Protein backbone atom coordinates (compact mmCIF):
# COMPACT_ATOMS: atom_id res chain seq x y z
CA MET A 1 10.85 30.10 36.69
CA GLU A 2 13.27 32.79 35.47
CA ALA A 3 15.84 31.57 38.00
CA VAL A 4 15.55 28.02 36.59
CA VAL A 5 15.95 29.31 33.04
CA ASP A 6 19.03 31.33 34.04
CA GLN A 7 20.51 28.26 35.74
CA VAL A 8 20.00 26.12 32.64
CA LYS A 9 21.54 28.82 30.42
CA GLY A 10 24.52 28.93 32.78
CA LEU A 11 24.98 25.17 32.61
CA ALA A 12 24.75 25.19 28.81
CA GLY A 13 27.15 28.12 28.56
CA SER A 14 29.83 26.37 30.60
CA ALA A 15 29.40 22.91 29.01
CA ASP A 16 31.38 21.49 26.10
CA GLU A 17 29.55 20.63 22.88
CA ALA A 18 28.63 17.11 24.03
CA GLY A 19 27.34 18.45 27.35
CA ARG A 20 25.34 21.21 25.68
CA SER A 21 23.79 18.66 23.32
CA LYS A 22 22.84 16.46 26.29
CA ILE A 23 21.16 19.42 28.02
CA LEU A 24 19.14 20.15 24.86
CA ASP A 25 18.03 16.51 24.63
CA GLN A 26 16.95 16.50 28.27
CA LEU A 27 15.02 19.75 27.87
CA ARG A 28 13.32 18.38 24.76
CA GLU A 29 12.30 15.22 26.61
CA LEU A 30 11.00 17.35 29.48
CA ALA A 31 8.92 19.52 27.14
CA TYR A 32 7.46 16.46 25.43
CA SER A 33 6.63 14.84 28.77
CA LEU A 34 4.61 17.90 29.79
CA GLU A 35 2.52 18.01 26.61
CA SER A 36 -1.15 17.11 26.55
CA PRO A 37 -2.24 14.76 23.73
CA ASP A 38 -3.74 17.73 21.90
CA GLU A 39 -0.49 19.69 22.15
CA THR A 40 1.47 16.69 20.88
CA MET A 41 -0.78 16.29 17.85
CA ASN A 42 -0.72 20.00 17.03
CA ARG A 43 3.08 19.95 17.13
CA ILE A 44 3.37 16.89 14.87
CA MET A 45 0.59 17.52 12.37
CA PHE A 46 1.82 20.98 11.39
CA LEU A 47 5.52 20.16 10.93
CA ASN A 48 5.19 20.39 7.14
CA LEU A 49 3.79 23.90 7.48
CA GLN A 50 6.81 24.99 9.49
CA ILE A 51 9.41 24.25 6.80
CA ALA A 52 7.03 25.57 4.11
CA ALA A 53 6.77 28.89 5.96
CA VAL A 54 10.54 29.03 6.39
CA ARG A 55 10.91 28.43 2.64
CA VAL A 56 8.55 31.37 1.97
CA GLY A 57 10.49 33.48 4.47
CA ILE A 58 13.68 32.77 2.54
CA ASN A 59 11.98 33.69 -0.75
CA LEU A 60 10.88 37.01 0.74
CA GLY A 61 14.25 37.71 2.35
CA LEU A 62 12.66 38.05 5.81
CA PHE A 63 15.51 36.39 7.71
CA ASP A 64 18.10 38.44 5.81
CA ILE A 65 16.22 41.68 6.55
CA LEU A 66 15.91 41.04 10.30
CA ALA A 67 19.44 39.63 10.67
CA ALA A 68 20.89 42.76 9.05
CA SER A 69 19.20 45.05 11.60
CA GLU A 70 20.64 45.67 15.05
CA THR A 71 17.24 46.81 16.33
CA PRO A 72 13.69 45.43 16.01
CA LEU A 73 11.85 46.35 12.81
CA SER A 74 8.21 47.29 12.37
CA LEU A 75 5.92 45.68 9.83
CA VAL A 76 6.05 48.91 7.83
CA GLU A 77 9.87 48.85 7.79
CA ILE A 78 9.97 45.20 6.74
CA LYS A 79 7.37 45.78 4.03
CA ALA A 80 9.45 48.64 2.63
CA VAL A 81 12.22 46.13 1.89
CA ALA A 82 10.18 42.98 1.19
CA TYR A 83 7.63 44.72 -1.07
CA ARG A 84 4.75 42.41 -0.15
CA ASP A 85 1.10 42.64 0.86
CA SER A 86 0.89 43.93 4.44
CA ILE A 87 -1.82 41.53 5.61
CA LEU A 88 -0.03 38.43 4.26
CA LEU A 89 3.31 39.66 5.58
CA GLU A 90 1.83 40.23 9.03
CA ARG A 91 0.34 36.73 9.12
CA LEU A 92 3.60 35.16 8.00
CA LEU A 93 5.73 37.06 10.50
CA ARG A 94 3.25 36.26 13.26
CA TYR A 95 3.44 32.53 12.47
CA LEU A 96 7.24 32.46 12.16
CA SER A 97 7.54 34.25 15.50
CA SER A 98 5.13 31.83 17.18
CA VAL A 99 7.29 28.85 16.20
CA GLY A 100 10.54 30.51 17.29
CA MET A 101 12.06 31.58 13.96
CA MET A 102 12.20 35.21 15.10
CA LYS A 103 10.93 37.24 18.07
CA GLU A 104 7.86 39.45 18.18
CA THR A 105 8.91 42.30 20.48
CA GLY A 106 5.70 44.33 20.30
CA ALA A 107 2.67 44.98 18.14
CA ASP A 108 3.77 44.37 14.51
CA THR A 109 7.44 44.60 15.55
CA TYR A 110 10.00 41.84 15.08
CA ALA A 111 13.63 41.14 15.93
CA ALA A 112 16.24 38.60 14.92
CA THR A 113 17.20 35.72 17.22
CA ASN A 114 19.99 33.14 16.96
CA ILE A 115 17.60 31.08 14.82
CA THR A 116 16.92 34.03 12.50
CA HIS A 117 20.65 34.47 12.01
CA ALA A 118 21.05 30.76 11.26
CA LEU A 119 18.30 31.01 8.63
CA ALA A 120 19.99 34.07 7.09
CA SER A 121 23.09 31.99 6.30
CA LYS A 122 23.32 31.31 2.55
CA GLY A 123 24.50 27.76 3.18
CA ASN A 124 21.58 27.04 5.49
CA GLN A 125 19.15 28.60 3.03
CA ALA A 126 20.53 26.27 0.37
CA GLY A 127 19.87 23.39 2.79
CA VAL A 128 16.24 24.43 3.29
CA ARG A 129 15.78 24.69 -0.49
CA HIS A 130 17.34 21.25 -0.94
CA PHE A 131 15.28 19.50 1.72
CA PHE A 132 11.99 21.24 1.02
CA ASP A 133 12.14 21.37 -2.77
CA ILE A 134 13.97 18.12 -3.58
CA VAL A 135 13.87 15.72 -0.64
CA GLY A 136 10.45 16.82 0.68
CA PRO A 137 8.45 15.08 -2.06
CA ALA A 138 10.26 11.83 -1.22
CA PHE A 139 9.31 12.17 2.45
CA GLN A 140 5.69 12.65 1.36
CA GLU A 141 5.91 9.50 -0.78
CA LEU A 142 7.47 7.31 1.95
CA PRO A 143 4.27 5.85 3.54
CA ASN A 144 2.77 4.88 0.18
CA PHE A 145 6.10 3.46 -1.05
CA LEU A 146 6.49 1.24 2.02
CA GLU A 147 2.93 -0.03 1.73
CA GLN A 148 3.61 -1.05 -1.87
CA HIS A 149 6.82 -2.83 -0.85
CA ALA A 150 5.40 -4.77 2.10
CA LEU A 151 7.22 -2.54 4.61
CA CYS A 152 10.60 -4.13 3.75
CA ASN A 153 14.07 -2.58 3.99
CA HIS A 154 14.25 -1.80 0.27
CA THR A 155 17.82 -1.69 -1.16
CA GLU A 156 17.23 -1.49 -4.91
CA ILE A 157 19.08 1.63 -6.07
CA LYS A 158 17.14 1.78 -9.35
CA TRP A 159 13.78 1.98 -7.60
CA THR A 160 13.87 4.28 -4.60
CA VAL A 161 11.38 6.46 -2.76
CA PHE A 162 13.06 9.46 -4.43
CA GLN A 163 12.62 8.02 -7.92
CA THR A 164 9.00 7.13 -7.25
CA ALA A 165 8.25 10.64 -5.95
CA TRP A 166 9.93 12.35 -8.91
CA LYS A 167 8.78 9.78 -11.48
CA THR A 168 12.29 9.20 -12.79
CA GLN A 169 14.49 6.19 -13.46
CA LEU A 170 17.66 8.16 -12.73
CA PRO A 171 19.46 7.69 -9.39
CA ALA A 172 19.39 10.85 -7.29
CA PHE A 173 22.83 12.22 -8.16
CA LEU A 174 22.39 11.68 -11.90
CA TRP A 175 18.99 13.38 -11.58
CA TYR A 176 20.73 16.30 -9.81
CA GLU A 177 23.29 16.60 -12.62
CA LYS A 178 20.48 17.42 -15.04
CA ARG A 179 19.25 20.15 -12.70
CA PRO A 180 22.23 22.44 -12.01
CA GLU A 181 20.30 24.75 -9.69
CA ALA A 182 19.20 21.86 -7.46
CA PHE A 183 22.71 20.37 -7.47
CA GLY A 184 24.10 23.79 -6.65
CA TYR A 185 21.91 24.05 -3.54
CA PHE A 186 23.03 20.59 -2.42
CA ASN A 187 26.73 21.34 -2.88
CA GLU A 188 26.46 24.76 -1.24
CA TYR A 189 24.76 23.26 1.79
CA MET A 190 27.27 20.41 2.07
CA ALA A 191 30.17 22.86 1.80
CA SER A 192 28.78 25.14 4.51
CA ARG A 193 27.49 22.67 7.09
CA ARG A 194 30.95 21.82 8.45
CA GLU A 195 32.12 25.43 8.83
CA GLY A 196 33.25 26.11 12.37
CA LYS A 197 32.74 22.49 13.44
CA PRO A 198 35.25 19.75 14.27
CA THR A 199 36.41 17.61 11.37
CA TRP A 200 38.41 14.42 11.00
CA LEU A 201 41.55 16.58 10.71
CA SER A 202 41.16 17.55 14.37
CA VAL A 203 41.72 13.96 15.53
CA TYR A 204 43.73 12.17 12.84
CA PRO A 205 47.57 12.00 13.08
CA VAL A 206 48.21 13.24 9.52
CA GLU A 207 51.73 14.55 10.10
CA ASP A 208 52.90 11.39 11.87
CA GLU A 209 51.70 9.21 9.02
CA THR A 210 53.10 11.34 6.17
CA LYS A 211 56.69 11.82 7.37
CA GLY A 212 59.04 11.26 4.47
CA TRP A 213 56.20 11.01 1.92
CA ASN A 214 57.19 11.45 -1.73
CA ALA A 215 56.25 14.99 -2.79
CA LYS A 216 55.42 13.79 -6.31
CA ALA A 217 53.01 11.09 -5.13
CA PRO A 218 49.35 11.63 -4.21
CA VAL A 219 49.00 12.15 -0.46
CA PHE A 220 45.28 12.99 -0.24
CA VAL A 221 42.72 11.88 -2.83
CA ASP A 222 39.22 13.14 -1.98
CA ILE A 223 36.79 10.78 -3.73
CA GLY A 224 33.43 12.37 -4.46
CA GLY A 225 34.64 15.49 -2.67
CA GLY A 226 32.05 17.93 -4.03
CA VAL A 227 33.38 21.46 -4.43
CA GLY A 228 36.58 20.67 -2.55
CA HIS A 229 36.15 21.97 0.98
CA GLN A 230 38.01 18.99 2.48
CA CYS A 231 40.96 19.46 0.12
CA VAL A 232 41.11 23.14 1.02
CA GLU A 233 41.02 22.33 4.74
CA PHE A 234 43.70 19.64 4.36
CA ARG A 235 46.06 22.08 2.64
CA LYS A 236 45.22 24.87 5.08
CA MET A 237 45.87 22.75 8.18
CA TYR A 238 48.88 20.88 6.79
CA PRO A 239 50.62 23.15 4.26
CA LYS A 240 53.98 21.42 4.75
CA VAL A 241 52.77 17.86 4.26
CA PRO A 242 54.42 16.67 1.03
CA GLY A 243 52.45 15.17 -1.83
CA ARG A 244 49.67 15.95 -4.25
CA VAL A 245 46.16 16.84 -3.06
CA ILE A 246 43.54 15.70 -5.56
CA LEU A 247 39.80 16.39 -5.75
CA LEU A 248 37.67 13.89 -7.68
CA ASP A 249 33.96 14.20 -8.48
CA LEU A 250 31.42 14.46 -11.29
CA SER A 251 31.61 17.33 -13.77
CA LYS A 252 29.15 19.73 -12.08
CA PRO A 253 30.84 19.92 -8.64
CA ILE A 254 34.27 20.00 -10.27
CA ASP A 255 33.15 22.97 -12.38
CA ASP A 256 31.85 24.66 -9.20
CA ALA A 257 34.88 23.74 -7.07
CA ARG A 258 36.62 26.41 -5.04
CA PRO A 259 39.80 27.74 -6.61
CA ALA A 260 42.62 26.57 -4.36
CA PRO A 261 46.40 26.55 -4.66
CA ASP A 262 48.04 23.13 -4.78
CA VAL A 263 44.73 21.27 -5.26
CA GLU A 264 44.25 19.30 -8.47
CA ARG A 265 40.70 18.82 -9.80
CA HIS A 266 39.62 15.91 -11.98
CA VAL A 267 36.27 14.57 -13.20
CA TYR A 268 35.81 11.02 -11.93
CA ASP A 269 33.03 8.48 -11.41
CA PHE A 270 33.83 6.27 -8.42
CA PHE A 271 32.03 3.34 -10.05
CA ARG A 272 35.05 3.16 -12.34
CA PRO A 273 38.63 2.13 -11.42
CA GLN A 274 40.55 4.69 -9.38
CA PRO A 275 43.05 6.42 -11.71
CA PHE A 276 45.46 7.74 -9.05
CA ARG A 277 47.60 4.96 -7.67
CA ASP A 278 49.60 4.55 -4.45
CA ALA A 279 48.12 7.52 -2.58
CA LYS A 280 48.62 7.72 1.16
CA PHE A 281 44.99 8.59 1.93
CA TYR A 282 41.95 7.74 -0.18
CA TYR A 283 39.33 9.82 1.57
CA MET A 284 35.55 9.39 1.35
CA ARG A 285 33.22 11.67 3.30
CA ASN A 286 29.54 10.74 3.31
CA ILE A 287 29.92 8.65 0.17
CA LEU A 288 29.16 5.11 1.32
CA HIS A 289 26.06 6.14 3.28
CA ASP A 290 24.57 7.08 -0.10
CA TYR A 291 24.64 3.47 -1.33
CA PRO A 292 23.49 0.01 -0.33
CA ASP A 293 26.15 -2.61 0.44
CA ASP A 294 26.53 -4.03 -3.08
CA LYS A 295 27.33 -0.60 -4.55
CA CYS A 296 29.66 0.19 -1.65
CA ARG A 297 31.62 -2.95 -2.40
CA THR A 298 32.11 -1.76 -5.99
CA ILE A 299 33.35 1.66 -4.83
CA LEU A 300 35.71 0.10 -2.30
CA ARG A 301 37.12 -2.47 -4.72
CA ASN A 302 37.76 0.22 -7.34
CA THR A 303 39.76 2.08 -4.72
CA MET A 304 41.55 -0.99 -3.37
CA MET A 305 42.97 -1.78 -6.83
CA ALA A 306 44.88 1.51 -6.72
CA MET A 307 46.19 1.15 -3.15
CA GLY A 308 49.89 0.72 -2.45
CA LYS A 309 51.45 -0.94 0.56
CA ASP A 310 51.25 2.28 2.61
CA SER A 311 47.80 3.36 1.41
CA LYS A 312 44.79 3.75 3.66
CA ILE A 313 41.12 4.39 2.99
CA ILE A 314 39.74 7.08 5.29
CA ILE A 315 35.97 6.66 5.66
CA ASP A 316 34.42 9.77 7.21
CA GLU A 317 30.90 8.79 8.24
CA MET A 318 28.54 8.33 11.13
CA VAL A 319 29.27 5.19 13.13
CA LEU A 320 26.06 4.51 15.01
CA PRO A 321 25.94 2.94 18.47
CA ASP A 322 23.78 -0.12 19.07
CA SER A 323 21.31 1.90 21.16
CA ASN A 324 20.31 5.51 21.94
CA VAL A 325 21.17 6.87 18.51
CA SER A 326 20.81 10.66 18.31
CA TRP A 327 17.80 12.16 16.54
CA GLN A 328 20.13 13.97 14.16
CA ALA A 329 21.58 10.64 13.02
CA THR A 330 18.28 8.75 12.79
CA GLN A 331 16.75 11.41 10.54
CA VAL A 332 19.76 11.29 8.21
CA ASP A 333 19.48 7.49 8.16
CA LEU A 334 15.88 7.57 6.93
CA THR A 335 16.75 10.33 4.47
CA MET A 336 19.38 8.01 2.99
CA PHE A 337 16.70 5.32 2.68
CA CYS A 338 14.33 7.67 0.87
CA ARG A 339 16.89 9.20 -1.44
CA HIS A 340 19.25 6.30 -2.21
CA ALA A 341 17.87 3.06 -0.69
CA ALA A 342 20.92 3.39 1.56
CA MET A 343 21.66 3.77 5.28
CA GLU A 344 23.80 4.98 8.14
CA ARG A 345 25.72 2.04 9.65
CA THR A 346 26.70 0.75 13.08
CA GLN A 347 30.28 -0.28 13.90
CA THR A 348 29.27 -3.90 13.37
CA GLN A 349 27.70 -3.14 9.99
CA TRP A 350 30.82 -1.23 8.91
CA GLN A 351 32.99 -4.15 10.00
CA THR A 352 30.86 -6.62 8.05
CA LEU A 353 30.92 -4.45 4.90
CA LEU A 354 34.68 -3.93 4.98
CA ASP A 355 35.38 -7.59 5.77
CA SER A 356 33.40 -8.59 2.69
CA VAL A 357 35.92 -6.87 0.36
CA GLY A 358 39.10 -7.80 2.22
CA LEU A 359 39.57 -4.66 4.29
CA GLU A 360 40.00 -4.40 8.04
CA ILE A 361 39.45 -1.48 10.39
CA GLU A 362 42.86 -0.36 11.66
CA ASN A 363 41.43 2.35 13.88
CA THR A 364 38.35 4.46 14.55
CA TYR A 365 38.58 8.13 15.53
CA VAL A 366 35.47 9.88 16.87
CA TYR A 367 35.41 13.65 16.35
CA THR A 368 31.77 14.63 17.05
CA ALA A 369 30.44 12.21 19.62
CA GLU A 370 26.95 13.70 19.95
CA VAL A 371 26.11 12.86 16.31
CA HIS A 372 28.45 9.82 16.05
CA GLU A 373 30.69 11.37 13.36
CA SER A 374 33.89 9.37 13.06
CA VAL A 375 36.64 8.27 10.71
CA LEU A 376 37.26 4.61 10.04
CA VAL A 377 40.76 3.79 8.84
CA ALA A 378 40.62 0.80 6.49
CA VAL A 379 43.61 -1.17 5.24
CA HIS A 380 44.14 -4.39 3.31
CA MET A 381 43.70 -7.48 5.47
CA LEU A 382 46.97 -9.20 6.29
């Protein structure tokens, strides 16, 4: 068996990202196919406990403690830093080790793994807080919500699973604005999740399309750009591209935005007309997947009114295939349903949406094939 494991590790180590992802999917399918019914049910029924225990581990600093040590730590050593009841700490560490969050190397002795290090990342910890604390109650509400709505594909933005779970009439992002800590976790996670991964800038011919651009005109307008990581990356990768780089979002993310040279920051609500006219690129990353089609049309039309003859809308989103959609994409799709009554879209659905406002897809660039991340380049129909 060890020889088989070594062979698989060798294959994964020599594969590109798409190949490594395919190996993981095949191994997952193999593991599931070998399960007994009892093993399957035990895996599924306790999924909520797993993220709850991870959330507790973050509160106690367990992943930070183990990740900071180059050698395994005893329960006594961990307790000296975590300052918690030994019996509870032992039970927690034992559980987290049993589900692969760390490694138990001996009696009451634990070591960090690649997963421990991932969970020690501040951005990933913000993601766990966001999904457990904020989105988790909506997941819990989903079965009851669908029963009450006759199991239909609900698209009413003023009455979502999220709003039902939190007993609020506010859409999710307005609800976040009134809770700065929660919004901070969301923005921190979104800013960190792309670090070290391919982005649209790795595939899009920015320099070719900006030759001779007016240095006083907007070249890159990031609509709903959060704390500005895309603007920073644009300037970092293309420092000589002429033109203004502009970050637009609501007041909270703009206040929290990263200080960056040559990046303008402005408070803006994309349900209002776009104030910066004739930009080369109007960029939207993971904006339209937060809204049903009618709201998307409003956002797009507000942008189209500002477009000049050389302007393009860059839509950075998942573009789902018609079959065999990855599990990473399908879980985001249902999260969009719960949180915003929205969805991830197929190429056909994107085409239909853009056609409905007078835009056409000039090109599609795929930059992370295994999770269908792509950029759609939209221009005015001729």
